[in-house]
């Protein structure tokens, strides 16, 4: 059994403020929402064995909030540039196979439309809307991440702040 938790980064400052998209920081409200969602997962006993995130500032800040909730040091967060761009199920499968290996529960923090598209491909019961700080917990009846596939997952929890 494997559990994948897909988390969209929290609310960030707007691009109109002259900040490069990659370097946009979380707003105070975004930080609060991320903390609320991390707390919800902890109360549900959904604990990460690995945290992987986009290397964009807002995604890393979101991931660090989740790491803090689960007492994981920030140096243990795996940052991946390719999560900033759009990836598909085969690329996600490759990423998890390379990075997660034997870890049963993996949190991935990234961006839309990529995460919403992945949730839609991995499950059969998603409406396509994933707001900032939104969390999708997907269970897979597989032994290894290299068995990950389209519509093989079951949505166990979908939550928004």
Protein backbone atom coordinates (compact mmCIF):
# COMPACT_ATOMS: atom_id res chain seq x y z
CA UNK A 1 0.00 0.00 0.00
CA UNK A 2 1.27 3.46 -0.92
CA UNK A 3 -0.15 6.89 -0.08
CA UNK A 4 0.48 9.98 -2.15
CA UNK A 5 -0.46 13.37 -0.73
CA UNK A 6 -0.58 16.10 -3.36
CA UNK A 7 -0.53 19.62 -1.93
CA UNK A 8 -0.88 22.82 -3.88
CA UNK A 9 1.35 25.61 -2.56
CA UNK A 10 -0.33 28.15 -0.30
CA UNK A 11 -1.45 31.63 -1.38
CA UNK A 12 1.47 33.73 -2.59
CA UNK A 13 2.04 37.38 -3.29
CA UNK A 14 0.76 38.47 -6.68
CA UNK A 15 2.97 38.64 -9.73
CA UNK A 16 1.95 42.26 -10.26
CA UNK A 17 4.21 43.32 -7.38
CA UNK A 18 7.21 43.07 -9.69
CA UNK A 19 8.46 39.77 -8.30
CA UNK A 20 9.63 37.02 -10.61
CA UNK A 21 7.07 34.17 -10.56
CA UNK A 22 9.61 31.64 -9.30
CA UNK A 23 10.50 33.87 -6.33
CA UNK A 24 7.02 34.80 -5.13
CA UNK A 25 6.66 34.38 -1.34
CA UNK A 26 3.70 33.23 0.70
CA UNK A 27 1.28 35.77 2.10
CA UNK A 28 0.46 35.72 5.82
CA UNK A 29 -2.91 34.19 4.93
CA UNK A 30 -1.15 31.55 2.85
CA UNK A 31 1.11 30.64 5.77
CA UNK A 32 -1.92 30.32 8.03
CA UNK A 33 -3.79 28.13 5.51
CA UNK A 34 -0.78 25.84 5.04
CA UNK A 35 -0.44 25.43 8.80
CA UNK A 36 -4.15 24.60 9.07
CA UNK A 37 -3.88 21.91 6.38
CA UNK A 38 -0.72 20.43 7.89
CA UNK A 39 -2.48 20.24 11.25
CA UNK A 40 -5.46 18.50 9.64
CA UNK A 41 -3.23 15.82 8.11
CA UNK A 42 -1.45 15.31 11.42
CA UNK A 43 -4.78 14.89 13.24
CA UNK A 44 -5.76 12.31 10.60
CA UNK A 45 -2.46 10.45 11.27
CA UNK A 46 -1.32 10.99 7.70
CA UNK A 47 2.40 11.33 8.29
CA UNK A 48 4.99 11.85 5.56
CA UNK A 49 7.95 9.57 5.21
CA UNK A 50 9.28 11.89 2.53
CA UNK A 51 8.54 15.47 1.44
CA UNK A 52 9.19 16.44 -2.18
CA UNK A 53 8.51 19.94 -3.44
CA UNK A 54 8.95 22.30 -6.31
CA UNK A 55 11.99 24.49 -5.93
CA UNK A 56 9.88 27.63 -6.39
CA UNK A 57 9.97 29.78 -3.25
CA UNK A 58 6.21 29.57 -2.48
CA UNK A 59 6.18 25.78 -2.81
CA UNK A 60 9.27 25.38 -0.63
CA UNK A 61 7.83 27.71 2.03
CA UNK A 62 4.60 25.67 2.01
CA UNK A 63 6.55 22.44 2.28
CA UNK A 64 8.61 23.83 5.17
CA UNK A 65 5.40 24.57 7.08
CA UNK A 66 4.30 20.96 6.63
CA UNK A 67 7.77 19.74 7.60
CA UNK A 68 7.62 21.77 10.80
CA UNK A 69 4.24 20.27 11.72
CA UNK A 70 5.72 16.78 11.40
CA UNK A 71 9.09 17.63 12.99
CA UNK A 72 11.01 17.03 9.78
CA UNK A 73 14.12 19.12 9.28
CA UNK A 74 14.07 21.38 6.22
CA UNK A 75 17.34 19.85 5.02
CA UNK A 76 15.41 16.59 4.55
CA UNK A 77 13.03 18.15 2.01
CA UNK A 78 13.74 17.05 -1.55
CA UNK A 79 13.50 20.03 -3.91
CA UNK A 80 12.90 19.31 -7.59
CA UNK A 81 12.98 21.91 -10.35
CA UNK A 82 10.84 19.72 -12.60
CA UNK A 83 7.88 20.11 -10.21
CA UNK A 84 7.82 23.81 -11.16
CA UNK A 85 6.96 22.78 -14.70
CA UNK A 86 4.11 20.56 -15.80
CA UNK A 87 4.72 16.84 -15.28
CA UNK A 88 2.51 13.91 -16.18
CA UNK A 89 1.82 10.55 -14.52
CA UNK A 90 4.82 8.74 -16.09
CA UNK A 91 7.16 11.54 -14.92
CA UNK A 92 5.60 11.47 -11.43
CA UNK A 93 6.01 7.70 -11.36
CA UNK A 94 9.68 8.09 -12.30
CA UNK A 95 10.20 10.78 -9.66
CA UNK A 96 8.62 8.65 -6.92
CA UNK A 97 10.52 5.56 -8.01
CA UNK A 98 13.81 7.50 -7.89
CA UNK A 99 13.22 9.43 -4.67
CA UNK A 100 10.70 7.54 -2.55
CA UNK A 101 11.68 3.92 -3.18
CA UNK A 102 10.48 2.10 -0.04
CA UNK A 103 8.65 5.01 1.57
CA UNK A 104 4.96 4.36 1.94
CA UNK A 105 3.62 7.90 2.39
CA UNK A 106 4.98 10.74 0.29
CA UNK A 107 3.90 14.39 0.29
CA UNK A 108 4.42 16.31 -2.97
CA UNK A 109 4.04 20.10 -2.92
CA UNK A 110 3.67 21.81 -6.27
CA UNK A 111 1.57 23.92 -8.59
CA UNK A 112 -1.56 23.97 -10.71
CA UNK A 113 -2.50 22.98 -13.32
CA UNK A 114 -0.04 20.10 -12.84
CA UNK A 115 -1.39 18.84 -9.50
CA UNK A 116 -5.04 19.10 -10.49
CA UNK A 117 -4.28 17.24 -13.72
CA UNK A 118 -2.41 14.51 -11.82
CA UNK A 119 -5.24 14.04 -9.32
CA UNK A 120 -7.67 13.76 -12.22
CA UNK A 121 -5.53 11.14 -13.93
CA UNK A 122 -4.74 9.11 -10.80
CA UNK A 123 -8.31 8.92 -9.48
CA UNK A 124 -11.80 8.70 -10.90
CA UNK A 125 -13.57 11.00 -8.44
CA UNK A 126 -12.06 14.48 -8.74
CA UNK A 127 -13.90 17.56 -9.99
CA UNK A 128 -10.75 19.27 -11.26
CA UNK A 129 -10.56 22.18 -8.80
CA UNK A 130 -7.57 22.37 -6.44
CA UNK A 131 -7.30 25.74 -4.67
CA UNK A 132 -4.18 27.04 -2.96
CA UNK A 133 -3.31 24.93 0.12
CA UNK A 134 -5.64 22.22 -1.19
CA UNK A 135 -4.71 18.67 -0.22
CA UNK A 136 -5.54 15.38 -1.92
CA UNK A 137 -4.70 12.11 -0.14
CA UNK A 138 -4.66 9.24 -2.62
CA UNK A 139 -4.16 5.59 -1.64
CA UNK A 140 -2.80 3.03 -4.05
CA UNK A 141 -3.04 -0.72 -3.65
CA UNK A 142 0.51 -1.19 -4.92
CA UNK A 143 3.74 -2.45 -3.37
CA UNK A 144 6.14 -0.18 -5.27
CA UNK A 145 5.94 3.31 -6.74
CA UNK A 146 6.86 1.95 -10.16
CA UNK A 147 3.39 0.34 -10.22
CA UNK A 148 1.71 3.78 -10.07
CA UNK A 149 -0.76 4.24 -12.89
CA UNK A 150 -3.70 6.12 -14.32
CA UNK A 151 -6.92 5.69 -12.32
CA UNK A 152 -5.28 3.28 -9.86
CA UNK A 153 -5.72 5.57 -6.86
CA UNK A 154 -8.55 6.00 -4.41
CA UNK A 155 -9.17 9.48 -3.00
CA UNK A 156 -9.18 9.07 0.78
CA UNK A 157 -9.29 12.74 1.70
CA UNK A 158 -9.73 15.97 -0.20
CA UNK A 159 -9.54 19.13 1.88
CA UNK A 160 -9.20 22.84 1.40
CA UNK A 161 -8.64 25.58 3.98
